[in-house]
Amino acid sequence: MPGRHSLSTTCHGLLPTTTTTLILFVLLILCLFPTTFHLLWTLPFSLLFPSPHHTKQQPSPPPGPGGAITAETKTMWFQKQFSLPARARGSYLITDTVLEQLPEIRAYKVGLLHLFVQHTSCALSLNENWDEDVRADMSDTLDKIVPEAGPKGEALYRHDAEGPDDLPAHVKSALIGASVTIPIKDGKLATGTWQGIWYLEFRAMKHTRKIVATIQGEKA
């Protein structure tokens, strides 16, 4: 029948158009959501052949005594400035002064104490804490290493605006250093039996010096 033949021809003509539209739609989905397609494509394989890289990570055990600080442990900071009594040239033991100025040390189970002197004509050091002759000998030795004048009293340095002892003081400060760092253990400075904190003054006249103390560590 003519009508039936015409309807069949029309249906057969629509099939390629519908297939083409479906293919274009799938390609559009792939372009917009490539990750989803990759997940659907690889899901059966991942279920059959699990990757060893996707194993659950086990939590790390807590450190034992003396171990590293964990993420739960909070590192505490403290900073303070204090002044030393005015002193003329010489080497002085100031361990007791530091402890008096920093009672906060007793609150720390483990940590570091950093002392920094804010001047360029003096220094800090760790050295002999018993025989005061060592400190006197240290000052005399530094004077011999960096003298104020030559054998005949002649000037040795260009920088003398503040007196002949100024430039030698700068050199001595550079040789010894402006800071010391001391470990803290159980609320005390973990120095050796014969170690003490020295303040070395290199100017002839008395000077008052300022120290910045910084504590970093874990409180008890």
Protein backbone atom coordinates (compact mmCIF):
# COMPACT_ATOMS: atom_id res chain seq x y z
CA MET A 1 0.00 0.00 0.00
CA PRO A 2 1.37 3.45 -0.79
CA GLY A 3 0.73 4.88 2.66
CA ARG A 4 2.39 1.92 4.37
CA HIS A 5 5.42 2.11 2.10
CA SER A 6 5.74 5.81 2.76
CA LEU A 7 5.61 5.34 6.56
CA SER A 8 8.26 2.63 6.43
CA THR A 9 10.52 4.80 4.36
CA THR A 10 10.09 7.66 6.83
CA CYS A 11 10.95 5.49 9.84
CA HIS A 12 14.03 4.09 8.12
CA GLY A 13 15.08 7.65 7.36
CA LEU A 14 14.79 8.67 11.01
CA LEU A 15 17.04 5.91 12.34
CA PRO A 16 20.37 7.37 11.19
CA THR A 17 19.37 10.79 12.55
CA THR A 18 18.51 9.38 15.99
CA THR A 19 21.75 7.37 16.16
CA THR A 20 23.79 10.39 15.19
CA THR A 21 22.10 12.52 17.85
CA LEU A 22 22.78 9.88 20.51
CA ILE A 23 26.45 9.66 19.54
CA LEU A 24 26.81 13.45 19.66
CA PHE A 25 25.13 13.53 23.07
CA VAL A 26 27.53 10.88 24.44
CA LEU A 27 30.51 12.78 23.06
CA LEU A 28 29.23 15.98 24.68
CA ILE A 29 28.95 14.21 28.05
CA LEU A 30 32.50 12.89 27.66
CA CYS A 31 33.82 16.37 26.98
CA LEU A 32 32.00 17.94 29.92
CA PHE A 33 32.60 15.16 32.45
CA PRO A 34 35.78 13.24 31.52
CA THR A 35 36.50 12.29 35.13
CA THR A 36 33.10 10.66 35.57
CA PHE A 37 33.56 8.66 32.38
CA HIS A 38 37.02 7.53 33.48
CA LEU A 39 35.63 6.47 36.87
CA LEU A 40 32.82 4.44 35.28
CA TRP A 41 35.22 2.89 32.79
CA THR A 42 37.84 1.85 35.37
CA LEU A 43 35.49 0.92 38.23
CA PRO A 44 35.06 -2.75 37.22
CA PHE A 45 38.84 -3.16 36.85
CA SER A 46 39.57 -1.48 40.21
CA LEU A 47 37.13 -3.83 41.93
CA LEU A 48 38.70 -6.90 40.33
CA PHE A 49 42.31 -5.75 40.72
CA PRO A 50 42.65 -3.36 43.72
CA SER A 51 45.73 -1.11 43.65
CA PRO A 52 48.22 -1.40 46.56
CA HIS A 53 48.50 2.41 46.64
CA HIS A 54 44.96 2.73 47.98
CA THR A 55 45.57 0.86 51.20
CA LYS A 56 44.53 2.67 54.35
CA GLN A 57 47.37 4.50 56.04
CA GLN A 58 47.95 3.43 59.60
CA PRO A 59 48.40 6.17 62.22
CA SER A 60 51.94 6.67 63.50
CA PRO A 61 52.56 5.53 67.07
CA PRO A 62 53.27 8.26 69.63
CA PRO A 63 56.98 8.91 70.30
CA GLY A 64 58.60 7.48 73.37
CA PRO A 65 60.68 9.39 75.91
CA GLY A 66 62.97 11.84 74.16
CA GLY A 67 61.08 11.44 70.87
CA ALA A 68 60.09 14.13 68.41
CA ILE A 69 57.37 16.65 69.22
CA THR A 70 54.04 15.46 67.77
CA ALA A 71 51.40 17.57 66.08
CA GLU A 72 49.41 17.64 69.32
CA THR A 73 52.32 19.14 71.25
CA LYS A 74 52.34 22.93 71.25
CA THR A 75 55.70 24.65 71.13
CA MET A 76 55.63 27.66 73.43
CA TRP A 77 57.60 30.89 72.89
CA PHE A 78 58.62 33.52 75.42
CA GLN A 79 60.73 36.64 75.01
CA LYS A 80 61.99 39.23 77.45
CA GLN A 81 64.54 42.05 77.55
CA PHE A 82 66.56 42.86 80.64
CA SER A 83 69.62 44.95 81.51
CA LEU A 84 72.92 43.93 83.07
CA PRO A 85 74.54 46.02 85.82
CA ALA A 86 76.96 48.65 84.51
CA ARG A 87 80.48 47.23 84.19
CA ALA A 88 83.87 48.39 82.98
CA ARG A 89 86.27 46.28 80.93
CA GLY A 90 86.44 42.68 82.16
CA SER A 91 84.84 39.23 82.00
CA TYR A 92 81.90 38.55 84.32
CA LEU A 93 79.94 35.43 85.30
CA ILE A 94 76.22 36.23 84.94
CA THR A 95 74.52 32.83 85.24
CA ASP A 96 72.77 33.77 88.49
CA THR A 97 71.65 37.10 87.02
CA VAL A 98 70.11 35.33 84.03
CA LEU A 99 68.24 32.86 86.26
CA GLU A 100 66.95 35.69 88.45
CA GLN A 101 65.70 37.59 85.41
CA LEU A 102 64.14 34.50 83.79
CA PRO A 103 62.14 32.50 86.36
CA GLU A 104 60.05 31.36 83.35
CA ILE A 105 62.75 28.77 82.60
CA ARG A 106 61.35 26.59 85.40
CA ALA A 107 58.08 26.14 83.47
CA TYR A 108 59.72 24.40 80.50
CA LYS A 109 60.17 20.64 80.36
CA VAL A 110 62.42 20.83 77.31
CA GLY A 111 63.56 23.76 75.19
CA LEU A 112 66.23 26.28 74.26
CA LEU A 113 67.28 29.57 75.84
CA HIS A 114 68.81 32.06 73.42
CA LEU A 115 70.55 35.14 74.84
CA PHE A 116 71.48 38.02 72.56
CA VAL A 117 73.32 41.18 73.65
CA GLN A 118 72.22 44.28 71.70
CA HIS A 119 75.61 45.99 71.52
CA THR A 120 78.79 45.84 69.42
CA SER A 121 81.40 46.49 72.10
CA CYS A 122 80.78 43.47 74.32
CA ALA A 123 80.04 39.77 73.99
CA LEU A 124 78.45 36.67 75.53
CA SER A 125 80.12 33.30 75.97
CA LEU A 126 79.97 29.96 77.79
CA ASN A 127 83.10 29.15 79.76
CA GLU A 128 84.72 28.36 83.13
CA ASN A 129 82.36 29.06 86.05
CA TRP A 130 84.58 28.34 89.07
CA ASP A 131 88.00 29.99 89.01
CA GLU A 132 87.70 33.74 88.50
CA ASP A 133 91.35 33.84 87.39
CA VAL A 134 90.18 32.34 84.09
CA ARG A 135 88.04 35.39 83.44
CA ALA A 136 90.90 37.76 84.28
CA ASP A 137 93.25 35.82 82.02
CA MET A 138 90.68 35.89 79.23
CA SER A 139 90.44 39.70 79.36
CA ASP A 140 94.26 40.05 79.41
CA THR A 141 94.63 37.63 76.50
CA LEU A 142 92.10 39.49 74.37
CA ASP A 143 93.92 42.78 75.11
CA LYS A 144 97.13 41.20 73.81
CA ILE A 145 95.41 39.85 70.69
CA VAL A 146 93.74 43.19 69.90
CA PRO A 147 95.85 45.96 71.53
CA GLU A 148 94.68 49.55 71.70
CA ALA A 149 98.01 50.97 70.43
CA GLY A 150 101.29 49.86 68.92
CA PRO A 151 104.53 49.11 70.86
CA LYS A 152 105.47 52.80 70.86
CA GLY A 153 101.97 54.04 71.60
CA GLU A 154 101.18 54.75 67.98
CA ALA A 155 97.61 54.58 66.74
CA LEU A 156 96.66 51.33 65.01
CA TYR A 157 93.12 51.98 63.78
CA ARG A 158 91.22 54.49 61.65
CA HIS A 159 88.08 54.33 63.78
CA ASP A 160 88.92 56.26 66.96
CA ALA A 161 86.07 58.77 67.27
CA GLU A 162 84.97 57.23 70.59
CA GLY A 163 88.45 56.62 71.95
CA PRO A 164 91.32 54.17 71.35
CA ASP A 165 89.43 51.32 73.07
CA ASP A 166 86.40 51.48 70.74
CA LEU A 167 87.68 49.68 67.63
CA PRO A 168 89.45 46.94 69.67
CA ALA A 169 86.10 46.40 71.44
CA HIS A 170 84.37 45.85 68.10
CA VAL A 171 87.02 43.33 67.02
CA LYS A 172 86.78 41.40 70.30
CA SER A 173 83.00 41.36 70.03
CA ALA A 174 83.25 39.85 66.57
CA LEU A 175 85.74 37.21 67.80
CA ILE A 176 83.66 36.08 70.79
CA GLY A 177 80.12 36.61 69.51
CA ALA A 178 76.93 38.39 70.55
CA SER A 179 74.82 35.39 71.59
CA VAL A 180 74.71 31.99 73.28
CA THR A 181 72.12 29.20 73.10
CA ILE A 182 71.62 26.83 76.05
CA PRO A 183 69.33 23.78 76.23
CA ILE A 184 66.65 23.59 78.90
CA LYS A 185 65.88 20.27 80.58
CA ASP A 186 63.24 19.77 83.28
CA GLY A 187 63.09 23.46 84.17
CA LYS A 188 66.85 23.97 84.42
CA LEU A 189 69.68 25.09 82.15
CA ALA A 190 71.44 21.97 80.89
CA THR A 191 74.97 23.40 81.19
CA GLY A 192 78.01 21.31 82.04
CA THR A 193 79.42 21.11 85.56
CA TRP A 194 82.00 23.83 84.96
CA GLN A 195 80.11 25.91 82.41
CA GLY A 196 78.76 29.37 83.14
CA ILE A 197 77.35 32.27 81.14
CA TRP A 198 79.89 35.03 80.63
CA TYR A 199 79.36 38.69 79.85
CA LEU A 200 82.55 40.22 78.44
CA GLU A 201 82.78 44.00 78.47
CA PHE A 202 85.43 45.49 76.18
CA ARG A 203 85.10 49.24 76.84
CA ALA A 204 87.25 50.94 79.49
CA MET A 205 84.37 52.93 80.98
CA LYS A 206 81.29 51.38 82.59
CA HIS A 207 78.38 50.59 80.30
CA THR A 208 74.89 49.19 80.88
CA ARG A 209 74.04 46.46 78.41
CA LYS A 210 70.66 45.11 77.29
CA ILE A 211 70.00 41.43 76.59
CA VAL A 212 67.10 39.89 74.68
CA ALA A 213 66.22 36.44 76.02
CA THR A 214 64.11 34.08 73.90
CA ILE A 215 62.79 30.73 75.11
CA GLN A 216 61.35 28.10 72.79
CA GLY A 217 60.15 24.75 74.04
CA GLU A 218 57.52 22.50 75.57
CA LYS A 219 56.13 23.38 78.95
CA ALA A 220 55.82 20.77 81.69
